[in-house]
C-alpha atoms as a PDB file:
ATOM      1  CA  MET A   1     -22.005  26.330 -16.777  1.00  0.00           C
ATOM      2  CA  ASN A   2     -20.975  23.027 -18.953  1.00  0.00           C
ATOM      3  CA  PHE A   3     -19.762  19.717 -18.468  1.00  0.00           C
ATOM      4  CA  SER A   4     -17.551  17.050 -20.339  1.00  0.00           C
ATOM      5  CA  VAL A   5     -18.547  13.606 -18.980  1.00  0.00           C
ATOM      6  CA  VAL A   6     -15.099  11.694 -19.187  1.00  0.00           C
ATOM      7  CA  ILE A   7     -15.408   7.536 -19.336  1.00  0.00           C
ATOM      8  CA  PRO A   8     -12.436   5.599 -19.592  1.00  0.00           C
ATOM      9  CA  LEU A   9     -13.592   1.690 -21.478  1.00  0.00           C
ATOM     10  CA  TYR A  10     -11.526  -1.433 -20.909  1.00  0.00           C
ATOM     11  CA  ASN A  11     -13.495  -4.613 -21.915  1.00  0.00           C
ATOM     12  CA  LYS A  12     -16.764  -3.379 -20.676  1.00  0.00           C
ATOM     13  CA  ALA A  13     -18.811  -3.793 -23.620  1.00  0.00           C
ATOM     14  CA  ARG A  14     -22.073  -5.528 -21.383  1.00  0.00           C
ATOM     15  CA  PHE A  15     -22.193  -1.604 -19.513  1.00  0.00           C
ATOM     16  CA  VAL A  16     -20.493   0.730 -21.600  1.00  0.00           C
ATOM     17  CA  GLU A  17     -23.989   1.422 -23.644  1.00  0.00           C
ATOM     18  CA  GLY A  18     -25.789   1.932 -20.062  1.00  0.00           C
ATOM     19  CA  ALA A  19     -23.577   4.392 -19.150  1.00  0.00           C
ATOM     20  CA  VAL A  20     -23.330   6.733 -22.011  1.00  0.00           C
ATOM     21  CA  ARG A  21     -27.323   6.357 -22.679  1.00  0.00           C
ATOM     22  CA  SER A  22     -27.320   7.681 -18.546  1.00  0.00           C
ATOM     23  CA  VAL A  23     -25.468  10.876 -19.427  1.00  0.00           C
ATOM     24  CA  LEU A  24     -27.516  10.774 -22.601  1.00  0.00           C
ATOM     25  CA  ALA A  25     -30.735  11.240 -20.544  1.00  0.00           C
ATOM     26  CA  GLN A  26     -29.410  14.151 -18.327  1.00  0.00           C
ATOM     27  CA  THR A  27     -31.940  16.622 -17.544  1.00  0.00           C
ATOM     28  CA  LEU A  28     -29.182  19.390 -17.661  1.00  0.00           C
ATOM     29  CA  PRO A  29     -27.183  18.071 -21.134  1.00  0.00           C
ATOM     30  CA  ALA A  30     -23.764  17.678 -21.462  1.00  0.00           C
ATOM     31  CA  LEU A  31     -21.689  19.254 -23.877  1.00  0.00           C
ATOM     32  CA  GLU A  32     -19.818  16.188 -24.877  1.00  0.00           C
ATOM     33  CA  ILE A  33     -19.298  12.969 -23.614  1.00  0.00           C
ATOM     34  CA  ILE A  34     -15.564  11.798 -23.848  1.00  0.00           C
ATOM     35  CA  VAL A  35     -15.083   7.808 -24.073  1.00  0.00           C
ATOM     36  CA  VAL A  36     -11.549   6.672 -24.084  1.00  0.00           C
ATOM     37  CA  ASP A  37     -11.030   3.042 -25.479  1.00  0.00           C
ATOM     38  CA  ASP A  38      -8.004   2.054 -23.609  1.00  0.00           C
ATOM     39  CA  GLY A  39      -7.049  -0.834 -26.005  1.00  0.00           C
ATOM     40  CA  SER A  40     -10.202  -2.866 -25.179  1.00  0.00           C
ATOM     41  CA  THR A  41     -10.594  -6.482 -26.918  1.00  0.00           C
ATOM     42  CA  ASP A  42     -14.480  -6.825 -26.680  1.00  0.00           C
ATOM     43  CA  GLY A  43     -15.806  -4.216 -29.091  1.00  0.00           C
ATOM     44  CA  GLY A  44     -17.158  -1.810 -26.455  1.00  0.00           C
ATOM     45  CA  ALA A  45     -16.419   1.401 -27.996  1.00  0.00           C
ATOM     46  CA  ASP A  46     -17.703   0.045 -31.449  1.00  0.00           C
ATOM     47  CA  ARG A  47     -21.259   0.223 -30.062  1.00  0.00           C
ATOM     48  CA  LEU A  48     -21.266   3.537 -29.438  1.00  0.00           C
ATOM     49  CA  GLU A  49     -19.832   5.119 -32.783  1.00  0.00           C
ATOM     50  CA  GLN A  50     -23.716   5.618 -33.890  1.00  0.00           C
ATOM     51  CA  LEU A  51     -24.954   6.637 -30.704  1.00  0.00           C
ATOM     52  CA  ALA A  52     -24.957  10.408 -30.270  1.00  0.00           C
ATOM     53  CA  PRO A  53     -22.071  11.104 -32.983  1.00  0.00           C
ATOM     54  CA  ASP A  54     -22.980  14.600 -32.590  1.00  0.00           C
ATOM     55  CA  ARG A  55     -22.130  14.289 -28.785  1.00  0.00           C
ATOM     56  CA  VAL A  56     -20.336  11.227 -28.190  1.00  0.00           C
ATOM     57  CA  ARG A  57     -16.558  11.150 -28.957  1.00  0.00           C
ATOM     58  CA  ILE A  58     -14.229   8.376 -28.975  1.00  0.00           C
ATOM     59  CA  ILE A  59     -10.735   8.155 -28.486  1.00  0.00           C
ATOM     60  CA  ARG A  60      -8.629   5.084 -28.488  1.00  0.00           C
ATOM     61  CA  GLN A  61      -5.172   4.453 -27.422  1.00  0.00           C
ATOM     62  CA  ALA A  62      -2.955   1.151 -26.582  1.00  0.00           C
ATOM     63  CA  ASN A  63      -3.623  -0.055 -23.553  1.00  0.00           C
ATOM     64  CA  ALA A  64      -2.468   1.930 -20.321  1.00  0.00           C
ATOM     65  CA  GLY A  65      -4.176   1.753 -17.503  1.00  0.00           C
ATOM     66  CA  VAL A  66      -7.362   3.396 -16.221  1.00  0.00           C
ATOM     67  CA  SER A  67      -5.197   6.283 -14.838  1.00  0.00           C
ATOM     68  CA  ALA A  68      -4.055   7.048 -18.504  1.00  0.00           C
ATOM     69  CA  ALA A  69      -6.923   6.977 -19.798  1.00  0.00           C
ATOM     70  CA  ARG A  70      -8.503   9.328 -17.224  1.00  0.00           C
ATOM     71  CA  ASN A  71      -5.684  11.658 -17.616  1.00  0.00           C
ATOM     72  CA  LEU A  72      -5.784  11.746 -21.717  1.00  0.00           C
ATOM     73  CA  GLY A  73      -9.752  12.453 -21.252  1.00  0.00           C
ATOM     74  CA  ILE A  74      -9.314  15.396 -19.534  1.00  0.00           C
ATOM     75  CA  SER A  75      -6.779  16.735 -21.238  1.00  0.00           C
ATOM     76  CA  GLN A  76      -9.190  16.594 -24.379  1.00  0.00           C
ATOM     77  CA  ALA A  77     -12.404  18.004 -22.420  1.00  0.00           C
ATOM     78  CA  ARG A  78     -13.760  21.282 -23.780  1.00  0.00           C
ATOM     79  CA  GLY A  79     -16.311  21.866 -20.809  1.00  0.00           C
ATOM     80  CA  ASP A  80     -15.668  24.319 -18.166  1.00  0.00           C
ATOM     81  CA  TRP A  81     -16.251  21.261 -16.140  1.00  0.00           C
ATOM     82  CA  ILE A  82     -15.276  18.009 -16.094  1.00  0.00           C
ATOM     83  CA  ALA A  83     -17.209  15.033 -15.144  1.00  0.00           C
ATOM     84  CA  LEU A  84     -16.108  11.533 -13.677  1.00  0.00           C
ATOM     85  CA  LEU A  85     -17.607   8.281 -15.087  1.00  0.00           C
ATOM     86  CA  ASP A  86     -16.847   4.763 -14.912  1.00  0.00           C
ATOM     87  CA  ALA A  87     -17.880   2.650 -18.228  1.00  0.00           C
ATOM     88  CA  ASP A  88     -19.788   0.210 -15.412  1.00  0.00           C
ATOM     89  CA  ASP A  89     -21.637   2.993 -13.555  1.00  0.00           C
ATOM     90  CA  LEU A  90     -24.559   5.042 -14.044  1.00  0.00           C
ATOM     91  CA  TYR A  91     -25.779   8.770 -13.644  1.00  0.00           C
ATOM     92  CA  HIS A  92     -28.974   9.462 -12.276  1.00  0.00           C
ATOM     93  CA  PRO A  93     -31.010  11.412 -14.847  1.00  0.00           C
ATOM     94  CA  GLU A  94     -30.617  14.649 -12.292  1.00  0.00           C
ATOM     95  CA  MET A  95     -26.959  14.276 -11.440  1.00  0.00           C
ATOM     96  CA  LEU A  96     -25.299  17.293 -13.433  1.00  0.00           C
ATOM     97  CA  ALA A  97     -28.058  19.738 -12.698  1.00  0.00           C
ATOM     98  CA  ASN A  98     -27.735  19.108  -8.878  1.00  0.00           C
ATOM     99  CA  ILE A  99     -24.164  19.491  -9.461  1.00  0.00           C
ATOM    100  CA  ALA A 100     -24.713  22.790 -11.137  1.00  0.00           C
ATOM    101  CA  ARG A 101     -27.290  23.807  -7.947  1.00  0.00           C
ATOM    102  CA  ALA A 102     -24.692  23.102  -5.699  1.00  0.00           C
ATOM    103  CA  ALA A 103     -21.467  25.002  -7.459  1.00  0.00           C
ATOM    104  CA  GLY A 104     -23.887  27.576  -7.810  1.00  0.00           C
ATOM    105  CA  ILE A 105     -24.715  27.500  -3.809  1.00  0.00           C
ATOM    106  CA  TYR A 106     -20.865  27.472  -3.230  1.00  0.00           C
ATOM    107  CA  PRO A 107     -18.998  29.020  -5.808  1.00  0.00           C
ATOM    108  CA  ALA A 108     -15.866  28.800  -4.513  1.00  0.00           C
ATOM    109  CA  ALA A 109     -16.280  25.169  -4.688  1.00  0.00           C
ATOM    110  CA  ASP A 110     -14.348  23.839  -7.877  1.00  0.00           C
ATOM    111  CA  MET A 111     -15.306  20.359  -6.765  1.00  0.00           C
ATOM    112  CA  VAL A 112     -18.395  19.014  -6.345  1.00  0.00           C
ATOM    113  CA  ALA A 113     -19.317  15.217  -5.856  1.00  0.00           C
ATOM    114  CA  THR A 114     -22.614  13.556  -4.735  1.00  0.00           C
ATOM    115  CA  LYS A 115     -23.178  10.318  -2.789  1.00  0.00           C
ATOM    116  CA  PHE A 116     -23.585   7.305  -4.420  1.00  0.00           C
ATOM    117  CA  LEU A 117     -25.729   3.885  -5.026  1.00  0.00           C
ATOM    118  CA  GLU A 118     -23.749   0.534  -4.550  1.00  0.00           C
ATOM    119  CA  VAL A 119     -24.846  -1.860  -7.056  1.00  0.00           C
ATOM    120  CA  GLU A 120     -23.433  -5.586  -7.261  1.00  0.00           C
ATOM    121  CA  ALA A 121     -20.343  -6.014  -9.621  1.00  0.00           C
ATOM    122  CA  SER A 122     -22.333  -8.614 -11.873  1.00  0.00           C
ATOM    123  CA  GLY A 123     -25.915  -7.472 -11.166  1.00  0.00           C
ATOM    124  CA  SER A 124     -27.536  -5.303 -13.283  1.00  0.00           C
ATOM    125  CA  ALA A 125     -28.251  -1.232 -11.770  1.00  0.00           C
ATOM    126  CA  PRO A 126     -31.250   0.377 -11.868  1.00  0.00           C
ATOM    127  CA  GLU A 127     -31.577   3.093 -14.250  1.00  0.00           C
ATOM    128  CA  ALA A 128     -33.425   5.764 -12.330  1.00  0.00           C
ATOM    129  CA  TRP A 129     -34.299   5.870  -8.376  1.00  0.00           C
ATOM    130  CA  PRO A 130     -35.905   8.644  -6.313  1.00  0.00           C
ATOM    131  CA  VAL A 131     -33.757  11.111  -5.060  1.00  0.00           C
ATOM    132  CA  PRO A 132     -35.265  14.454  -2.767  1.00  0.00           C
ATOM    133  CA  PRO A 133     -36.061  17.390  -5.448  1.00  0.00           C
ATOM    134  CA  ARG A 134     -33.850  19.865  -3.125  1.00  0.00           C
ATOM    135  CA  CYS A 135     -30.920  17.716  -2.086  1.00  0.00           C
ATOM    136  CA  PRO A 136     -28.997  19.107   1.094  1.00  0.00           C
ATOM    137  CA  VAL A 137     -25.802  20.600  -0.095  1.00  0.00           C
ATOM    138  CA  GLU A 138     -22.479  20.433   2.427  1.00  0.00           C
ATOM    139  CA  LEU A 139     -19.268  22.461   2.062  1.00  0.00           C
ATOM    140  CA  ILE A 140     -16.484  20.501   3.366  1.00  0.00           C
ATOM    141  CA  ASP A 141     -13.055  22.314   4.155  1.00  0.00           C
ATOM    142  CA  ASP A 142     -11.245  19.315   5.843  1.00  0.00           C
ATOM    143  CA  LEU A 143     -11.850  16.544   3.544  1.00  0.00           C
ATOM    144  CA  HIS A 144      -9.280  14.604   5.512  1.00  0.00           C
ATOM    145  CA  ARG A 145     -11.402  13.916   8.508  1.00  0.00           C
ATOM    146  CA  ARG A 146     -14.661  13.636   6.786  1.00  0.00           C
ATOM    147  CA  TRP A 147     -13.034  10.885   5.329  1.00  0.00           C
ATOM    148  CA  MET A 148     -12.524   8.730   8.183  1.00  0.00           C
ATOM    149  CA  LYS A 149     -16.464   8.768   8.979  1.00  0.00           C
ATOM    150  CA  THR A 150     -17.181   7.139   5.967  1.00  0.00           C
ATOM    151  CA  VAL A 151     -16.397   7.028   2.468  1.00  0.00           C
ATOM    152  CA  LEU A 152     -18.405  10.451   0.665  1.00  0.00           C
ATOM    153  CA  PHE A 153     -18.008  10.079  -2.838  1.00  0.00           C
ATOM    154  CA  CYS A 154     -16.675   8.250  -5.797  1.00  0.00           C
ATOM    155  CA  THR A 155     -15.164   8.714  -9.330  1.00  0.00           C
ATOM    156  CA  SER A 156     -18.725   8.705 -10.970  1.00  0.00           C
ATOM    157  CA  SER A 157     -19.361  10.934  -8.829  1.00  0.00           C
ATOM    158  CA  ILE A 158     -17.526  14.239  -9.060  1.00  0.00           C
ATOM    159  CA  ALA A 159     -17.534  17.076 -11.124  1.00  0.00           C
ATOM    160  CA  VAL A 160     -14.201  19.599 -11.105  1.00  0.00           C
ATOM    161  CA  ARG A 161     -13.360  22.533 -12.697  1.00  0.00           C
ATOM    162  CA  ALA A 162     -11.690  21.987 -15.806  1.00  0.00           C
ATOM    163  CA  GLU A 163      -8.874  24.305 -15.217  1.00  0.00           C
ATOM    164  CA  CYS A 164      -8.081  22.780 -11.551  1.00  0.00           C
ATOM    165  CA  LEU A 165      -7.612  19.425 -13.118  1.00  0.00           C
ATOM    166  CA  ARG A 166      -5.290  20.739 -16.306  1.00  0.00           C
ATOM    167  CA  GLU A 167      -2.842  22.301 -13.234  1.00  0.00           C
ATOM    168  CA  LEU A 168      -2.652  19.046 -11.331  1.00  0.00           C
ATOM    169  CA  GLN A 169      -2.107  16.788 -14.764  1.00  0.00           C
ATOM    170  CA  PRO A 170      -1.013  13.994 -14.546  1.00  0.00           C
ATOM    171  CA  CYS A 171      -4.394  14.023 -12.487  1.00  0.00           C
ATOM    172  CA  PHE A 172      -4.039   9.941 -11.689  1.00  0.00           C
ATOM    173  CA  VAL A 173      -0.737   8.833 -11.241  1.00  0.00           C
ATOM    174  CA  PRO A 174       0.014   6.356 -14.370  1.00  0.00           C
ATOM    175  CA  GLY A 175       0.269   2.724 -13.399  1.00  0.00           C
ATOM    176  CA  GLU A 176      -1.061   2.812 -10.068  1.00  0.00           C
ATOM    177  CA  SER A 177      -4.782   0.959  -9.406  1.00  0.00           C
ATOM    178  CA  LEU A 178      -4.771   1.165  -5.661  1.00  0.00           C
ATOM    179  CA  GLY A 179      -6.179   4.910  -4.020  1.00  0.00           C
ATOM    180  CA  GLU A 180      -5.604   6.454  -7.369  1.00  0.00           C
ATOM    181  CA  ASP A 181      -8.503   8.321  -7.024  1.00  0.00           C
ATOM    182  CA  THR A 182      -8.515   9.037  -2.958  1.00  0.00           C
ATOM    183  CA  ASP A 183      -5.150  10.747  -4.233  1.00  0.00           C
ATOM    184  CA  LEU A 184      -6.784  12.890  -6.527  1.00  0.00           C
ATOM    185  CA  PHE A 185      -9.273  13.296  -4.190  1.00  0.00           C
ATOM    186  CA  PHE A 186      -7.085  14.843  -1.570  1.00  0.00           C
ATOM    187  CA  ARG A 187      -4.495  16.716  -3.806  1.00  0.00           C
ATOM    188  CA  LEU A 188      -7.781  18.849  -5.014  1.00  0.00           C
ATOM    189  CA  ALA A 189      -9.442  19.289  -1.342  1.00  0.00           C
ATOM    190  CA  TYR A 190      -5.916  21.514  -0.651  1.00  0.00           C
ATOM    191  CA  GLN A 191      -6.738  23.408  -3.535  1.00  0.00           C
ATOM    192  CA  THR A 192     -10.653  24.068  -2.991  1.00  0.00           C
ATOM    193  CA  PRO A 193     -13.617  22.944  -0.736  1.00  0.00           C
ATOM    194  CA  THR A 194     -16.261  20.383  -1.657  1.00  0.00           C
ATOM    195  CA  ALA A 195     -19.429  21.087  -2.221  1.00  0.00           C
ATOM    196  CA  LEU A 196     -21.090  17.863  -1.190  1.00  0.00           C
ATOM    197  CA  VAL A 197     -24.707  17.061  -2.270  1.00  0.00           C
ATOM    198  CA  HIS A 198     -26.233  14.669   0.224  1.00  0.00           C
ATOM    199  CA  ALA A 199     -28.026  12.465  -2.681  1.00  0.00           C
ATOM    200  CA  PRO A 200     -26.962   9.228  -4.207  1.00  0.00           C
ATOM    201  CA  LEU A 201     -27.026  10.148  -7.888  1.00  0.00           C
ATOM    202  CA  THR A 202     -24.501   7.445  -9.584  1.00  0.00           C
ATOM    203  CA  THR A 203     -24.053   4.009  -8.916  1.00  0.00           C
ATOM    204  CA  HIS A 204     -20.928   2.297  -8.266  1.00  0.00           C
ATOM    205  CA  ARG A 205     -20.241  -1.265  -8.667  1.00  0.00           C
ATOM    206  CA  VAL A 206     -19.171  -3.074  -5.526  1.00  0.00           C
ATOM    207  CA  GLU A 207     -17.462  -6.359  -5.140  1.00  0.00           C
ATOM    208  CA  VAL A 208     -19.125  -8.958  -2.752  1.00  0.00           C
ATOM    209  CA  PRO A 209     -16.803 -11.289  -0.490  1.00  0.00           C
ATOM    210  CA  ASP A 210     -17.900 -14.387  -0.697  1.00  0.00           C
ATOM    211  CA  SER A 211     -17.143 -14.783   2.999  1.00  0.00           C
ATOM    212  CA  LEU A 212     -15.245 -14.203   6.149  1.00  0.00           C
ATOM    213  CA  SER A 213     -12.432 -15.873   5.446  1.00  0.00           C
ATOM    214  CA  ALA A 214     -12.332 -14.219   1.975  1.00  0.00           C
ATOM    215  CA  GLN A 215     -12.274 -10.614   3.210  1.00  0.00           C
ATOM    216  CA  MET A 216      -9.915 -11.743   6.130  1.00  0.00           C
ATOM    217  CA  ALA A 217      -7.181 -12.847   3.424  1.00  0.00           C
ATOM    218  CA  ASP A 218      -7.489  -9.345   1.562  1.00  0.00           C
ATOM    219  CA  LEU A 219      -6.227  -7.314   4.592  1.00  0.00           C
ATOM    220  CA  LEU A 220      -3.335  -5.204   3.717  1.00  0.00           C
ATOM    221  CA  TYR A 221      -0.878  -4.748   6.034  1.00  0.00           C
ATOM    222  CA  GLU A 222       0.996  -1.727   4.244  1.00  0.00           C
ATOM    223  CA  LEU A 223       0.105   1.637   3.461  1.00  0.00           C
ATOM    224  CA  PRO A 224      -1.069   2.241  -0.088  1.00  0.00           C
ATOM    225  CA  PRO A 225       1.419   4.431  -2.208  1.00  0.00           C
ATOM    226  CA  TYR A 226      -1.147   7.542  -2.045  1.00  0.00           C
ATOM    227  CA  VAL A 227      -0.668   7.678   1.878  1.00  0.00           C
ATOM    228  CA  LYS A 228       2.834   7.164   1.590  1.00  0.00           C
ATOM    229  CA  ARG A 229       3.373  10.083  -0.493  1.00  0.00           C
ATOM    230  CA  MET A 230       0.731  12.104   1.911  1.00  0.00           C
ATOM    231  CA  ARG A 231       3.134  11.798   4.662  1.00  0.00           C
ATOM    232  CA  THR A 232       5.997  12.706   2.373  1.00  0.00           C
ATOM    233  CA  ASP A 233       4.455  15.961   1.105  1.00  0.00           C
ATOM    234  CA  ALA A 234       3.165  16.606   4.631  1.00  0.00           C
ATOM    235  CA  LEU A 235       6.448  16.659   6.086  1.00  0.00           C
ATOM    236  CA  ALA A 236       8.470  18.151   3.278  1.00  0.00           C
ATOM    237  CA  GLY A 237       5.712  21.290   3.604  1.00  0.00           C
ATOM    238  CA  GLN A 238       4.267  20.403  -0.268  1.00  0.00           C
ATOM    239  CA  ILE A 239       1.050  20.555   1.637  1.00  0.00           C
ATOM    240  CA  PRO A 240      -0.883  23.786   2.377  1.00  0.00           C
ATOM    241  CA  GLU A 241      -0.415  24.526   5.714  1.00  0.00           C
ATOM    242  CA  GLN A 242      -3.370  24.703   6.733  1.00  0.00           C
ATOM    243  CA  HIS A 243      -3.754  20.990   6.070  1.00  0.00           C
ATOM    244  CA  ARG A 244      -0.668  19.412   6.963  1.00  0.00           C
ATOM    245  CA  ALA A 245      -1.627  18.886  10.347  1.00  0.00           C
ATOM    246  CA  SER A 246      -4.747  16.575   9.106  1.00  0.00           C
ATOM    247  CA  ALA A 247      -2.933  15.010   6.470  1.00  0.00           C
ATOM    248  CA  LEU A 248      -0.635  13.545   8.905  1.00  0.00           C
ATOM    249  CA  TRP A 249      -3.936  12.303  11.058  1.00  0.00           C
ATOM    250  CA  TYR A 250      -5.119  10.886   8.152  1.00  0.00           C
ATOM    251  CA  VAL A 251      -1.612   9.169   7.719  1.00  0.00           C
ATOM    252  CA  ALA A 252      -1.911   7.905  11.309  1.00  0.00           C
ATOM    253  CA  GLN A 253      -5.216   6.681  11.203  1.00  0.00           C
ATOM    254  CA  GLN A 254      -4.162   3.983   8.110  1.00  0.00           C
ATOM    255  CA  GLU A 255      -1.313   2.817  10.375  1.00  0.00           C
ATOM    256  CA  VAL A 256      -3.795   2.232  13.429  1.00  0.00           C
ATOM    257  CA  THR A 257      -5.994   0.372  11.061  1.00  0.00           C
ATOM    258  CA  ILE A 258      -3.337  -1.880   9.977  1.00  0.00           C
ATOM    259  CA  ALA A 259      -2.500  -2.308  13.783  1.00  0.00           C
ATOM    260  CA  ARG A 260      -5.829  -3.308  14.403  1.00  0.00           C
ATOM    261  CA  ASP A 261      -6.037  -5.605  11.573  1.00  0.00           C
ATOM    262  CA  LEU A 262      -2.777  -7.295  12.607  1.00  0.00           C
ATOM    263  CA  ILE A 263      -3.825  -7.872  16.229  1.00  0.00           C
ATOM    264  CA  ALA A 264      -6.759  -9.309  15.123  1.00  0.00           C
ATOM    265  CA  ALA A 265      -4.604 -11.665  12.623  1.00  0.00           C
ATOM    266  CA  GLY A 266      -3.127 -13.022  15.383  1.00  0.00           C
ATOM    267  CA  ARG A 267       0.281 -10.794  14.930  1.00  0.00           C
ATOM    268  CA  ARG A 268       0.159  -8.700  17.874  1.00  0.00           C
ATOM    269  CA  SER A 269       4.118  -7.929  17.996  1.00  0.00           C
ATOM    270  CA  GLU A 270       3.931  -6.401  14.487  1.00  0.00           C
ATOM    271  CA  SER A 271       1.472  -4.398  15.187  1.00  0.00           C
ATOM    272  CA  PHE A 272       3.475  -2.090  18.073  1.00  0.00           C
ATOM    273  CA  PRO A 273       5.782  -0.232  15.558  1.00  0.00           C
ATOM    274  CA  TRP A 274       2.461   0.730  13.727  1.00  0.00           C
ATOM    275  CA  LEU A 275       1.529   2.086  16.622  1.00  0.00           C
ATOM    276  CA  ALA A 276       4.741   3.505  17.887  1.00  0.00           C
ATOM    277  CA  ARG A 277       4.794   5.410  14.244  1.00  0.00           C
ATOM    278  CA  SER A 278       1.252   6.785  14.813  1.00  0.00           C
ATOM    279  CA  TRP A 279       0.963   8.022  18.299  1.00  0.00           C
ATOM    280  CA  ARG A 280       2.370  11.424  17.567  1.00  0.00           C
ATOM    281  CA  ALA A 281      -0.234  12.450  15.102  1.00  0.00           C
ATOM    282  CA  GLY A 282      -2.996   9.953  15.505  1.00  0.00           C
ATOM    283  CA  PHE A 283      -2.974  10.039  19.571  1.00  0.00           C
ATOM    284  CA  GLY A 284      -6.822  10.191  20.621  1.00  0.00           C
ATOM    285  CA  ARG A 285      -9.354   7.568  21.776  1.00  0.00           C
ATOM    286  CA  ARG A 286      -9.019   5.004  18.600  1.00  0.00           C
ATOM    287  CA  TRP A 287      -5.107   5.082  19.185  1.00  0.00           C
ATOM    288  CA  LEU A 288      -5.870   4.509  22.971  1.00  0.00           C
ATOM    289  CA  ILE A 289      -8.017   1.608  22.399  1.00  0.00           C
ATOM    290  CA  THR A 290      -6.148  -0.003  19.736  1.00  0.00           C
ATOM    291  CA  GLY A 291      -2.889   0.108  21.906  1.00  0.00           C
ATOM    292  CA  LEU A 292      -4.987  -0.956  24.801  1.00  0.00           C
ATOM    293  CA  MET A 293      -6.350  -4.060  22.420  1.00  0.00           C
ATOM    294  CA  ALA A 294      -2.550  -4.868  21.689  1.00  0.00           C
ATOM    295  CA  LEU A 295      -1.411  -5.083  25.161  1.00  0.00           C
ATOM    296  CA  LEU A 296      -4.244  -6.552  27.169  1.00  0.00           C
ATOM    297  CA  ALA A 297      -7.032  -8.259  24.677  1.00  0.00           C
ATOM    298  CA  PRO A 298      -6.611 -12.005  24.136  1.00  0.00           C
ATOM    299  CA  THR A 299      -6.135 -13.064  20.386  1.00  0.00           C
ATOM    300  CA  TRP A 300      -9.628 -15.132  20.543  1.00  0.00           C
ATOM    301  CA  LEU A 301     -11.139 -12.336  21.379  1.00  0.00           C
ATOM    302  CA  MET A 302      -9.777  -9.899  19.162  1.00  0.00           C
ATOM    303  CA  VAL A 303     -10.561 -12.643  16.378  1.00  0.00           C
ATOM    304  CA  ARG A 304     -14.031 -12.633  17.113  1.00  0.00           C
ATOM    305  CA  TRP A 305     -14.389  -8.751  17.507  1.00  0.00           C
ATOM    306  CA  GLN A 306     -12.584  -8.829  13.655  1.00  0.00           C
ATOM    307  CA  ARG A 307     -14.956 -11.597  12.691  1.00  0.00           C
ATOM    308  CA  TRP A 308     -18.261  -9.410  13.964  1.00  0.00           C
ATOM    309  CA  ARG A 309     -16.711  -6.213  12.668  1.00  0.00           C
ATOM    310  CA  LEU A 310     -16.501  -7.502   9.496  1.00  0.00           C
ATOM    311  CA  GLY A 311     -19.873  -9.211   9.275  1.00  0.00           C
ATOM    312  CA  GLN A 312     -21.393  -6.128  10.250  1.00  0.00           C
ATOM    313  CA  ALA A 313     -19.730  -4.429   7.476  1.00  0.00           C
ATOM    314  CA  ILE A 314     -20.760  -6.971   5.019  1.00  0.00           C
ATOM    315  CA  PHE A 315     -24.381  -7.396   6.071  1.00  0.00           C
ATOM    316  CA  SER A 316     -24.395  -3.422   5.834  1.00  0.00           C
ATOM    317  CA  LYS A 317     -23.466  -3.699   2.415  1.00  0.00           C
ATOM    318  CA  ALA A 318     -25.526  -6.457   1.544  1.00  0.00           C
ATOM    319  CA  ARG A 319     -28.614  -4.218   3.050  1.00  0.00           C
ATOM    320  CA  LYS A 320     -27.645  -1.585   0.308  1.00  0.00           C
ATOM    321  CA  LEU A 321     -27.433  -4.410  -2.268  1.00  0.00           C
ATOM    322  CA  GLU A 322     -31.000  -5.403  -1.630  1.00  0.00           C
ATOM    323  CA  GLY A 323     -31.914  -2.156  -1.596  1.00  0.00           C
ATOM    324  CA  SER A 324     -31.262  -0.915  -4.907  1.00  0.00           C
ATOM    325  CA  ARG A 325     -32.810  -3.725  -6.592  1.00  0.00           C
END
């Protein structure tokens, strides 16, 4: 079992050397590291040319976006498995070894993922952090329902059998930058179960909102493109039958979330069409609670509830970030 690690790069000279070094430091060495320089202007790729010329391959392209860069790297990979890593993230030294162990435990899983450690976007990431010596591994057959409970993994924490990725090319939809990675996760999950290693074996940089008002302003009242495609594909029978119901349920849950955000923003009347669209596939306790909110809860109460909910999320994220320092 060997790995090609694909790293898309655009103007992250400050971080990319650390990302590459974290791959070179793996206890299970990677076959190759492919850095796709997507038209950077800060000289980041130049720093890598003498780092490990026998193992690091640099491919340069005119700026076309992260999706195009990842797709190009995947097409050039020679390994049996392809792992992805963003240029500002890091692998734990045991990342690839744990991926290989999980693939051995669940050989039917063509996608293996790990949890991740969030670090502040502008901060420094730890070079290593403690993980259990024998991390538990879970096999996931219904990714839609597991994903609604919590974000399980990120682009920098997955590895996929190369032949599966090549069959899905373009793996990442060119030009899309919202949910393009989640789109790939679900398309892979229609073909294979996912083995999840329950340990944070990569870092993932996240923006920390400066205020609740900024967070409120960032709320989206439209389904991302991949969610719209998911509904269309499910209704057209292009998603395997065993996954269609949960795919439509997932779409409905996104609509319920938008309805909740609209209620909390004082735009109660706009929430009703979202609830109406989602009730058949998404009917359940969450839908009922949201419906009661739309009909009965005063706006001031909803605003307070939303502020409390967002405050809890920000507090939780801040605690995670603090724990990583």
